């Protein structure tokens, strides 16, 4: 019982909390520094591509636990050609492959296309 009380007091200690936050920052730094080709570069490539029949609604990227990179693009497609759009985006995002095309609202043509770095 005393050990449990001691652990709880350590967990509530401000110094312990600061050290834990520092480790979180170091982990984030390691994750981001291991990423080749900062994902924002991909955003600039996407902004220059022709958008015939679709438009972007969101852009999100993350670093996975194994230091891989995933990108999720929200798109609104006119004419229901989501596979063509996903294929075209796959060519623009060199070094990434499509892992999922998920409908958000099929009636409005909104989808999320997820990519992962190869």
Protein backbone atom coordinates (compact mmCIF):
# COMPACT_ATOMS: atom_id res chain seq x y z
CA UNK A 1 0.00 0.00 0.00
CA UNK A 2 2.86 2.39 0.79
CA UNK A 3 4.40 1.79 -2.63
CA UNK A 4 1.15 2.71 -4.35
CA UNK A 5 0.89 5.90 -2.29
CA UNK A 6 4.49 6.78 -3.14
CA UNK A 7 3.89 6.23 -6.86
CA UNK A 8 0.79 8.41 -6.75
CA UNK A 9 2.72 11.19 -4.99
CA UNK A 10 5.48 10.97 -7.62
CA UNK A 11 2.92 11.09 -10.42
CA UNK A 12 1.42 14.26 -8.92
CA UNK A 13 4.82 15.91 -8.51
CA UNK A 14 5.29 18.95 -10.78
CA UNK A 15 8.91 18.10 -11.48
CA UNK A 16 7.88 14.64 -12.65
CA UNK A 17 5.21 16.21 -14.89
CA UNK A 18 7.78 18.59 -16.44
CA UNK A 19 10.18 15.73 -17.13
CA UNK A 20 7.36 13.73 -18.71
CA UNK A 21 6.49 16.72 -20.93
CA UNK A 22 10.15 17.06 -21.94
CA UNK A 23 10.20 13.41 -23.00
CA UNK A 24 7.06 14.04 -25.07
CA UNK A 25 8.81 16.95 -26.81
CA UNK A 26 11.92 14.84 -27.46
CA UNK A 27 9.77 12.04 -28.89
CA UNK A 28 8.00 14.54 -31.16
CA UNK A 29 11.35 15.97 -32.30
CA UNK A 30 12.65 12.48 -33.09
CA UNK A 31 9.51 11.68 -35.02
CA UNK A 32 9.65 14.85 -37.09
CA UNK A 33 13.41 14.73 -37.69
CA UNK A 34 13.12 11.20 -39.05
CA UNK A 35 10.68 12.31 -41.71
CA UNK A 36 12.22 12.60 -45.16
CA UNK A 37 10.63 15.21 -47.33
CA UNK A 38 8.57 17.37 -45.00
CA UNK A 39 4.88 16.76 -45.83
CA UNK A 40 4.23 20.46 -46.37
CA UNK A 41 6.25 20.14 -49.59
CA UNK A 42 3.51 17.79 -50.76
CA UNK A 43 0.95 20.46 -49.95
CA UNK A 44 2.69 22.90 -52.30
CA UNK A 45 2.72 20.25 -55.06
CA UNK A 46 -0.99 19.62 -54.54
CA UNK A 47 -1.78 23.32 -54.73
CA UNK A 48 -0.21 23.53 -58.19
CA UNK A 49 -1.99 20.54 -59.73
CA UNK A 50 -5.06 21.03 -61.94
CA UNK A 51 -8.28 20.26 -60.09
CA UNK A 52 -10.68 19.19 -62.79
CA UNK A 53 -13.87 17.88 -61.20
CA UNK A 54 -12.77 18.04 -57.56
CA UNK A 55 -11.54 20.38 -54.86
CA UNK A 56 -9.62 19.91 -51.63
CA UNK A 57 -11.48 20.28 -48.36
CA UNK A 58 -8.76 19.32 -45.86
CA UNK A 59 -5.13 18.28 -45.46
CA UNK A 60 -3.79 16.33 -42.48
CA UNK A 61 -0.54 14.50 -41.93
CA UNK A 62 0.87 12.48 -39.07
CA UNK A 63 3.87 10.44 -38.04
CA UNK A 64 3.14 6.85 -37.03
CA UNK A 65 4.79 5.00 -34.14
CA UNK A 66 7.23 3.35 -36.56
CA UNK A 67 8.14 6.81 -37.95
CA UNK A 68 6.16 6.40 -41.15
CA UNK A 69 4.22 9.30 -42.58
CA UNK A 70 0.54 9.30 -43.47
CA UNK A 71 -1.37 11.99 -45.31
CA UNK A 72 -5.16 12.33 -45.32
CA UNK A 73 -6.72 14.53 -47.98
CA UNK A 74 -10.32 15.61 -47.87
CA UNK A 75 -11.75 16.00 -51.37
CA UNK A 76 -15.09 16.97 -52.78
CA UNK A 77 -15.62 15.20 -56.10
CA UNK A 78 -18.05 16.26 -58.79
CA UNK A 79 -19.24 13.54 -61.14
CA UNK A 80 -18.43 10.57 -58.91
CA UNK A 81 -14.96 9.80 -60.29
CA UNK A 82 -13.28 9.31 -56.93
CA UNK A 83 -11.05 6.45 -58.16
CA UNK A 84 -9.66 8.66 -60.95
CA UNK A 85 -9.03 11.46 -58.45
CA UNK A 86 -7.28 9.10 -56.00
CA UNK A 87 -5.15 7.68 -58.83
CA UNK A 88 -4.18 11.17 -60.02
CA UNK A 89 -3.27 12.30 -56.52
CA UNK A 90 -1.15 9.18 -56.13
CA UNK A 91 0.94 10.32 -59.11
CA UNK A 92 1.42 13.80 -57.66
CA UNK A 93 2.41 12.51 -54.22
CA UNK A 94 5.47 10.59 -55.35
CA UNK A 95 6.73 8.19 -52.71
CA UNK A 96 3.24 7.68 -51.27
CA UNK A 97 0.55 5.13 -52.04
CA UNK A 98 -3.20 5.22 -51.53
CA UNK A 99 -4.21 3.03 -48.58
CA UNK A 100 -7.85 4.03 -48.20
CA UNK A 101 -10.63 5.94 -49.93
CA UNK A 102 -13.35 6.53 -47.35
CA UNK A 103 -16.67 8.23 -48.06
CA UNK A 104 -17.63 11.06 -45.73
CA UNK A 105 -20.86 11.95 -47.53
CA UNK A 106 -21.45 10.18 -50.83
CA UNK A 107 -24.40 12.42 -51.77
CA UNK A 108 -22.21 15.54 -51.71
CA UNK A 109 -19.17 13.70 -53.11
CA UNK A 110 -16.99 14.22 -50.03
CA UNK A 111 -14.27 11.66 -49.40
CA UNK A 112 -11.09 11.21 -47.38
CA UNK A 113 -8.16 9.71 -49.27
CA UNK A 114 -5.38 8.34 -47.07
CA UNK A 115 -1.81 7.86 -48.25
CA UNK A 116 1.22 6.32 -46.61
CA UNK A 117 4.86 6.78 -47.45
CA UNK A 118 6.34 3.83 -49.31
